[in-house]
């Protein structure tokens, strides 16, 4: 299940998880973001047990900025980050967001 991250506290629950978790930044007005979001959802459809959150940047810009500040990963949208213990283990943006790369990143983070 994908949690809607509306507050910095919502984001912090995933950012500081002791297991890898996904954070997706999505712009509802950008066609490229729609493509990245689609890859994110496809990946999670096959991995529903992986913790994941979605930030709609138009509705939660402060949350998006908080994630950028907390991880040191400059904001982009679309953007997907794999986070654990307050840091980004992996991130991609735009057409770099693919099911295949997300799977490889998660496998690498749990080996």
C-alpha atoms as a PDB file:
ATOM      1  CA  UNK A   1       0.000   0.000   0.000  1.00  0.00           C
ATOM      2  CA  UNK A   2       1.249   3.485  -0.851  1.00  0.00           C
ATOM      3  CA  UNK A   3       0.860   6.016   1.977  1.00  0.00           C
ATOM      4  CA  UNK A   4       0.007   9.594   1.042  1.00  0.00           C
ATOM      5  CA  UNK A   5       2.731  11.695   2.694  1.00  0.00           C
ATOM      6  CA  UNK A   6       1.046  14.958   3.672  1.00  0.00           C
ATOM      7  CA  UNK A   7       3.197  16.043   6.612  1.00  0.00           C
ATOM      8  CA  UNK A   8       6.874  15.997   7.502  1.00  0.00           C
ATOM      9  CA  UNK A   9       6.005  13.556  10.280  1.00  0.00           C
ATOM     10  CA  UNK A  10       4.511  11.186   7.687  1.00  0.00           C
ATOM     11  CA  UNK A  11       7.722  11.413   5.664  1.00  0.00           C
ATOM     12  CA  UNK A  12       9.931  10.930   8.720  1.00  0.00           C
ATOM     13  CA  UNK A  13       8.248   7.609   9.513  1.00  0.00           C
ATOM     14  CA  UNK A  14       9.539   6.271   6.189  1.00  0.00           C
ATOM     15  CA  UNK A  15      12.835   8.173   6.162  1.00  0.00           C
ATOM     16  CA  UNK A  16      13.840   6.788   9.540  1.00  0.00           C
ATOM     17  CA  UNK A  17      12.564   3.265   9.023  1.00  0.00           C
ATOM     18  CA  UNK A  18      15.002   0.482   9.893  1.00  0.00           C
ATOM     19  CA  UNK A  19      13.981  -1.318   6.709  1.00  0.00           C
ATOM     20  CA  UNK A  20      14.237   0.085   3.167  1.00  0.00           C
ATOM     21  CA  UNK A  21      11.246   2.203   2.172  1.00  0.00           C
ATOM     22  CA  UNK A  22      10.240   4.005  -1.020  1.00  0.00           C
ATOM     23  CA  UNK A  23       9.382   7.688  -1.398  1.00  0.00           C
ATOM     24  CA  UNK A  24       7.980   8.997  -4.672  1.00  0.00           C
ATOM     25  CA  UNK A  25       7.659  12.690  -5.532  1.00  0.00           C
ATOM     26  CA  UNK A  26       4.997  13.213  -8.170  1.00  0.00           C
ATOM     27  CA  UNK A  27       3.760  16.264 -10.043  1.00  0.00           C
ATOM     28  CA  UNK A  28       0.135  15.906 -11.106  1.00  0.00           C
ATOM     29  CA  UNK A  29       0.626  18.358 -13.988  1.00  0.00           C
ATOM     30  CA  UNK A  30       3.682  16.816 -15.660  1.00  0.00           C
ATOM     31  CA  UNK A  31       3.467  14.025 -18.258  1.00  0.00           C
ATOM     32  CA  UNK A  32       7.001  12.852 -17.470  1.00  0.00           C
ATOM     33  CA  UNK A  33       6.007  12.594 -13.823  1.00  0.00           C
ATOM     34  CA  UNK A  34       3.036  10.461 -14.832  1.00  0.00           C
ATOM     35  CA  UNK A  35       5.440   8.028 -16.516  1.00  0.00           C
ATOM     36  CA  UNK A  36       7.671   7.815 -13.421  1.00  0.00           C
ATOM     37  CA  UNK A  37       4.691   7.423 -11.123  1.00  0.00           C
ATOM     38  CA  UNK A  38       3.410   4.612 -13.322  1.00  0.00           C
ATOM     39  CA  UNK A  39       6.727   2.735 -12.970  1.00  0.00           C
ATOM     40  CA  UNK A  40       6.590   3.276  -9.195  1.00  0.00           C
ATOM     41  CA  UNK A  41       3.058   1.864  -8.998  1.00  0.00           C
ATOM     42  CA  UNK A  42       3.927  -1.094 -11.263  1.00  0.00           C
ATOM     43  CA  UNK A  43       6.871  -1.993  -9.050  1.00  0.00           C
ATOM     44  CA  UNK A  44       4.774  -1.785  -5.887  1.00  0.00           C
ATOM     45  CA  UNK A  45       1.968  -3.852  -7.416  1.00  0.00           C
ATOM     46  CA  UNK A  46       4.489  -6.707  -7.503  1.00  0.00           C
ATOM     47  CA  UNK A  47       5.929  -5.833  -4.058  1.00  0.00           C
ATOM     48  CA  UNK A  48       2.976  -4.757  -1.891  1.00  0.00           C
ATOM     49  CA  UNK A  49       4.921  -5.595   1.276  1.00  0.00           C
ATOM     50  CA  UNK A  50       7.514  -2.864   0.625  1.00  0.00           C
ATOM     51  CA  UNK A  51       6.802   0.314   2.619  1.00  0.00           C
ATOM     52  CA  UNK A  52       6.128   3.243   0.274  1.00  0.00           C
ATOM     53  CA  UNK A  53       4.933   6.808   0.349  1.00  0.00           C
ATOM     54  CA  UNK A  54       3.805   9.329  -2.247  1.00  0.00           C
ATOM     55  CA  UNK A  55       4.323  13.073  -2.128  1.00  0.00           C
ATOM     56  CA  UNK A  56       2.155  15.054  -4.536  1.00  0.00           C
ATOM     57  CA  UNK A  57       4.381  18.101  -4.818  1.00  0.00           C
ATOM     58  CA  UNK A  58       1.531  20.514  -5.598  1.00  0.00           C
ATOM     59  CA  UNK A  59      -0.173  19.544  -2.319  1.00  0.00           C
ATOM     60  CA  UNK A  60       2.851  19.029  -0.058  1.00  0.00           C
ATOM     61  CA  UNK A  61       5.779  21.142  -1.257  1.00  0.00           C
ATOM     62  CA  UNK A  62       7.030  21.487   2.329  1.00  0.00           C
ATOM     63  CA  UNK A  63       7.159  17.692   2.663  1.00  0.00           C
ATOM     64  CA  UNK A  64       9.063  17.382  -0.601  1.00  0.00           C
ATOM     65  CA  UNK A  65      11.557  20.020   0.552  1.00  0.00           C
ATOM     66  CA  UNK A  66      11.882  18.254   3.904  1.00  0.00           C
ATOM     67  CA  UNK A  67      12.818  14.992   2.179  1.00  0.00           C
ATOM     68  CA  UNK A  68      15.394  16.821   0.041  1.00  0.00           C
ATOM     69  CA  UNK A  69      16.911  18.484   3.119  1.00  0.00           C
ATOM     70  CA  UNK A  70      16.880  15.289   5.187  1.00  0.00           C
ATOM     71  CA  UNK A  71      18.481  13.105   2.514  1.00  0.00           C
ATOM     72  CA  UNK A  72      20.690  15.627   0.728  1.00  0.00           C
ATOM     73  CA  UNK A  73      19.111  14.608  -2.588  1.00  0.00           C
ATOM     74  CA  UNK A  74      18.136  17.670  -4.619  1.00  0.00           C
ATOM     75  CA  UNK A  75      14.396  17.831  -5.350  1.00  0.00           C
ATOM     76  CA  UNK A  76      13.158  16.747  -8.742  1.00  0.00           C
ATOM     77  CA  UNK A  77       9.825  15.448  -9.929  1.00  0.00           C
ATOM     78  CA  UNK A  78       9.241  12.817 -10.699  1.00  0.00           C
ATOM     79  CA  UNK A  79      11.700  11.324  -8.267  1.00  0.00           C
ATOM     80  CA  UNK A  80      11.892   8.026  -6.420  1.00  0.00           C
ATOM     81  CA  UNK A  81      14.118   7.450  -3.428  1.00  0.00           C
ATOM     82  CA  UNK A  82      14.886   4.288  -1.498  1.00  0.00           C
ATOM     83  CA  UNK A  83      15.514   5.353   2.093  1.00  0.00           C
ATOM     84  CA  UNK A  84      16.538   3.736   5.350  1.00  0.00           C
ATOM     85  CA  UNK A  85      17.752   5.062   8.700  1.00  0.00           C
ATOM     86  CA  UNK A  86      17.439   8.689   7.566  1.00  0.00           C
ATOM     87  CA  UNK A  87      19.463   8.454   4.377  1.00  0.00           C
ATOM     88  CA  UNK A  88      18.901   7.809   0.707  1.00  0.00           C
ATOM     89  CA  UNK A  89      20.254   4.453  -0.436  1.00  0.00           C
ATOM     90  CA  UNK A  90      19.278   5.061  -4.061  1.00  0.00           C
ATOM     91  CA  UNK A  91      17.386   7.630  -6.093  1.00  0.00           C
ATOM     92  CA  UNK A  92      16.320   8.262  -9.664  1.00  0.00           C
ATOM     93  CA  UNK A  93      14.328  10.873 -11.500  1.00  0.00           C
ATOM     94  CA  UNK A  94      12.431  11.367 -14.733  1.00  0.00           C
ATOM     95  CA  UNK A  95      12.891   8.480 -17.190  1.00  0.00           C
ATOM     96  CA  UNK A  96      15.499   6.937 -14.906  1.00  0.00           C
ATOM     97  CA  UNK A  97      12.641   5.579 -12.793  1.00  0.00           C
ATOM     98  CA  UNK A  98      12.091   2.016 -13.969  1.00  0.00           C
ATOM     99  CA  UNK A  99      10.717  -1.149 -12.424  1.00  0.00           C
ATOM    100  CA  UNK A 100      13.971  -2.927 -13.276  1.00  0.00           C
ATOM    101  CA  UNK A 101      16.198  -0.343 -11.585  1.00  0.00           C
ATOM    102  CA  UNK A 102      13.954  -0.166  -8.527  1.00  0.00           C
ATOM    103  CA  UNK A 103      14.141  -3.955  -8.168  1.00  0.00           C
ATOM    104  CA  UNK A 104      17.936  -3.898  -8.443  1.00  0.00           C
ATOM    105  CA  UNK A 105      18.180  -1.090  -5.872  1.00  0.00           C
ATOM    106  CA  UNK A 106      15.967  -2.887  -3.372  1.00  0.00           C
ATOM    107  CA  UNK A 107      17.858  -6.152  -3.801  1.00  0.00           C
ATOM    108  CA  UNK A 108      21.148  -4.334  -3.256  1.00  0.00           C
ATOM    109  CA  UNK A 109      19.811  -2.647  -0.128  1.00  0.00           C
ATOM    110  CA  UNK A 110      18.691  -5.906   1.458  1.00  0.00           C
ATOM    111  CA  UNK A 111      21.667  -8.116   0.601  1.00  0.00           C
END
